[in-house]
Amino acid sequence: MAPWGDAKLFLCFLFITCCCTVTLAQIPMDCCLSVKNRTVQKGLIVDYRRQTRGNGCFLEATILVTKRGRTLCVPPEEPWVKGVEEHVDKQKANCGKKNRRCPRVKHQ
């Protein structure tokens, strides 16, 4: 009876491992599928993040977040995108200084 007990335990462990692997593989990723190289006014952007190739995403992009919460996918290597990123970083650094209120700026 001992060999069957070990086999059942092994099969049970194998089944649970397979189920966990399938479940983790189906976690949805929020990735940009394309980018638009259209300039955006710096004042409209309150946050940004970078998307790297890999981990389920197929292209590199910078994701800009507007005051209204919309996301825009833009090419990360463009000079105007770097300017927007610098502007947002300055906004985040200055927010809170001298009793300045910044309700739409997303803090890290």
C-alpha atoms as a PDB file:
ATOM      1  CA  MET A   1       0.000   0.000   0.000  1.00  0.00           C
ATOM      2  CA  ALA A   2       2.952   2.331   0.574  1.00  0.00           C
ATOM      3  CA  PRO A   3       3.958   2.598  -3.130  1.00  0.00           C
ATOM      4  CA  TRP A   4       0.407   3.691  -4.087  1.00  0.00           C
ATOM      5  CA  GLY A   5       0.388   6.266  -1.305  1.00  0.00           C
ATOM      6  CA  ASP A   6       3.620   7.807  -2.562  1.00  0.00           C
ATOM      7  CA  ALA A   7       2.351   7.802  -6.156  1.00  0.00           C
ATOM      8  CA  LYS A   8      -0.931   9.483  -5.161  1.00  0.00           C
ATOM      9  CA  LEU A   9       0.918  12.120  -3.179  1.00  0.00           C
ATOM     10  CA  PHE A  10       3.269  12.792  -6.118  1.00  0.00           C
ATOM     11  CA  LEU A  11       0.380  13.047  -8.615  1.00  0.00           C
ATOM     12  CA  CYS A  12      -1.508  15.376  -6.287  1.00  0.00           C
ATOM     13  CA  PHE A  13       1.576  17.607  -5.944  1.00  0.00           C
ATOM     14  CA  LEU A  14       2.120  17.566  -9.720  1.00  0.00           C
ATOM     15  CA  PHE A  15      -1.526  18.522 -10.376  1.00  0.00           C
ATOM     16  CA  ILE A  16      -1.382  21.467  -7.940  1.00  0.00           C
ATOM     17  CA  THR A  17       1.899  22.677  -9.457  1.00  0.00           C
ATOM     18  CA  CYS A  18       0.438  22.560 -12.973  1.00  0.00           C
ATOM     19  CA  CYS A  19      -2.682  24.471 -11.919  1.00  0.00           C
ATOM     20  CA  CYS A  20      -0.606  27.219 -10.259  1.00  0.00           C
ATOM     21  CA  THR A  21       1.622  27.525 -13.335  1.00  0.00           C
ATOM     22  CA  VAL A  22      -1.361  27.911 -15.675  1.00  0.00           C
ATOM     23  CA  THR A  23      -2.975  30.470 -13.375  1.00  0.00           C
ATOM     24  CA  LEU A  24       0.180  32.604 -13.162  1.00  0.00           C
ATOM     25  CA  ALA A  25       0.671  32.469 -16.925  1.00  0.00           C
ATOM     26  CA  GLN A  26      -2.746  34.063 -17.479  1.00  0.00           C
ATOM     27  CA  ILE A  27      -2.113  37.286 -15.527  1.00  0.00           C
ATOM     28  CA  PRO A  28      -3.013  40.126 -17.920  1.00  0.00           C
ATOM     29  CA  MET A  29      -0.384  42.763 -18.678  1.00  0.00           C
ATOM     30  CA  ASP A  30      -1.262  46.351 -19.498  1.00  0.00           C
ATOM     31  CA  CYS A  31       1.083  47.035 -22.417  1.00  0.00           C
ATOM     32  CA  CYS A  32       1.231  49.571 -25.219  1.00  0.00           C
ATOM     33  CA  LEU A  33       0.647  47.804 -28.517  1.00  0.00           C
ATOM     34  CA  SER A  34       1.712  50.807 -30.576  1.00  0.00           C
ATOM     35  CA  VAL A  35       3.169  54.289 -30.077  1.00  0.00           C
ATOM     36  CA  LYS A  36       2.262  57.646 -31.610  1.00  0.00           C
ATOM     37  CA  ASN A  37       4.935  60.251 -32.179  1.00  0.00           C
ATOM     38  CA  ARG A  38       2.636  63.224 -31.671  1.00  0.00           C
ATOM     39  CA  THR A  39       3.855  65.959 -29.327  1.00  0.00           C
ATOM     40  CA  VAL A  40       1.831  66.675 -26.202  1.00  0.00           C
ATOM     41  CA  GLN A  41       1.790  69.866 -24.118  1.00  0.00           C
ATOM     42  CA  LYS A  42       3.896  69.421 -20.992  1.00  0.00           C
ATOM     43  CA  GLY A  43       1.242  70.993 -18.790  1.00  0.00           C
ATOM     44  CA  LEU A  44      -1.270  68.262 -19.591  1.00  0.00           C
ATOM     45  CA  ILE A  45       0.921  65.452 -18.264  1.00  0.00           C
ATOM     46  CA  VAL A  46       0.997  64.604 -14.540  1.00  0.00           C
ATOM     47  CA  ASP A  47       2.875  61.305 -14.550  1.00  0.00           C
ATOM     48  CA  TYR A  48       4.772  58.851 -16.740  1.00  0.00           C
ATOM     49  CA  ARG A  49       6.218  55.375 -16.603  1.00  0.00           C
ATOM     50  CA  ARG A  50       8.448  53.355 -18.867  1.00  0.00           C
ATOM     51  CA  GLN A  51       7.462  50.127 -20.539  1.00  0.00           C
ATOM     52  CA  THR A  52      10.336  47.824 -21.350  1.00  0.00           C
ATOM     53  CA  ARG A  53      10.427  45.011 -23.847  1.00  0.00           C
ATOM     54  CA  GLY A  54       9.854  41.660 -22.184  1.00  0.00           C
ATOM     55  CA  ASN A  55       7.561  40.468 -19.393  1.00  0.00           C
ATOM     56  CA  GLY A  56       4.696  40.198 -21.870  1.00  0.00           C
ATOM     57  CA  CYS A  57       5.225  43.535 -23.643  1.00  0.00           C
ATOM     58  CA  PHE A  58       6.598  43.541 -27.176  1.00  0.00           C
ATOM     59  CA  LEU A  59       7.861  47.111 -27.558  1.00  0.00           C
ATOM     60  CA  GLU A  60       9.533  49.820 -25.534  1.00  0.00           C
ATOM     61  CA  ALA A  61       7.415  52.876 -24.825  1.00  0.00           C
ATOM     62  CA  THR A  62       6.886  55.738 -22.424  1.00  0.00           C
ATOM     63  CA  ILE A  63       3.355  55.855 -21.028  1.00  0.00           C
ATOM     64  CA  LEU A  64       2.230  59.416 -20.299  1.00  0.00           C
ATOM     65  CA  VAL A  65      -0.680  60.008 -17.905  1.00  0.00           C
ATOM     66  CA  THR A  66      -2.795  63.127 -18.476  1.00  0.00           C
ATOM     67  CA  LYS A  67      -4.621  65.265 -15.902  1.00  0.00           C
ATOM     68  CA  ARG A  68      -7.821  63.452 -16.836  1.00  0.00           C
ATOM     69  CA  GLY A  69      -6.246  60.051 -16.276  1.00  0.00           C
ATOM     70  CA  ARG A  70      -5.850  59.058 -19.917  1.00  0.00           C
ATOM     71  CA  THR A  71      -2.746  57.163 -20.959  1.00  0.00           C
ATOM     72  CA  LEU A  72      -0.754  57.924 -24.081  1.00  0.00           C
ATOM     73  CA  CYS A  73       1.909  55.615 -25.513  1.00  0.00           C
ATOM     74  CA  VAL A  74       4.833  57.492 -27.032  1.00  0.00           C
ATOM     75  CA  PRO A  75       8.331  56.534 -28.257  1.00  0.00           C
ATOM     76  CA  PRO A  76      10.806  56.809 -25.355  1.00  0.00           C
ATOM     77  CA  GLU A  77      13.827  57.982 -27.367  1.00  0.00           C
ATOM     78  CA  GLU A  78      12.249  61.170 -28.777  1.00  0.00           C
ATOM     79  CA  PRO A  79      13.686  64.475 -27.466  1.00  0.00           C
ATOM     80  CA  TRP A  80      10.261  65.969 -26.758  1.00  0.00           C
ATOM     81  CA  VAL A  81       9.386  62.936 -24.590  1.00  0.00           C
ATOM     82  CA  LYS A  82      12.551  63.508 -22.545  1.00  0.00           C
ATOM     83  CA  GLY A  83      11.430  67.121 -22.068  1.00  0.00           C
ATOM     84  CA  VAL A  84       8.017  66.017 -20.818  1.00  0.00           C
ATOM     85  CA  GLU A  85       9.646  63.558 -18.396  1.00  0.00           C
ATOM     86  CA  GLU A  86      11.926  66.293 -17.034  1.00  0.00           C
ATOM     87  CA  HIS A  87       8.943  68.633 -16.635  1.00  0.00           C
ATOM     88  CA  VAL A  88       6.976  66.007 -14.672  1.00  0.00           C
ATOM     89  CA  ASP A  89      10.004  65.252 -12.485  1.00  0.00           C
ATOM     90  CA  LYS A  90      10.352  68.967 -11.676  1.00  0.00           C
ATOM     91  CA  GLN A  91       6.640  69.197 -10.869  1.00  0.00           C
ATOM     92  CA  LYS A  92       6.951  66.268  -8.469  1.00  0.00           C
ATOM     93  CA  ALA A  93      10.041  67.772  -6.825  1.00  0.00           C
ATOM     94  CA  ASN A  94       8.445  71.226  -6.378  1.00  0.00           C
ATOM     95  CA  CYS A  95       5.081  69.945  -5.201  1.00  0.00           C
ATOM     96  CA  GLY A  96       4.690  70.422  -1.481  1.00  0.00           C
ATOM     97  CA  LYS A  97       7.371  73.117  -1.191  1.00  0.00           C
ATOM     98  CA  LYS A  98       6.334  76.560   0.048  1.00  0.00           C
ATOM     99  CA  ASN A  99       2.799  75.331   0.909  1.00  0.00           C
ATOM    100  CA  ARG A 100       2.174  74.673  -2.761  1.00  0.00           C
ATOM    101  CA  ARG A 101      -0.742  72.371  -3.493  1.00  0.00           C
ATOM    102  CA  CYS A 102      -0.535  70.000  -6.439  1.00  0.00           C
ATOM    103  CA  PRO A 103      -3.692  67.867  -6.445  1.00  0.00           C
ATOM    104  CA  ARG A 104      -3.135  66.214  -9.817  1.00  0.00           C
ATOM    105  CA  VAL A 105       0.569  65.453  -9.562  1.00  0.00           C
ATOM    106  CA  LYS A 106       1.143  61.779  -8.794  1.00  0.00           C
ATOM    107  CA  HIS A 107       3.716  61.318  -6.057  1.00  0.00           C
ATOM    108  CA  GLN A 108       6.050  58.341  -6.045  1.00  0.00           C
END
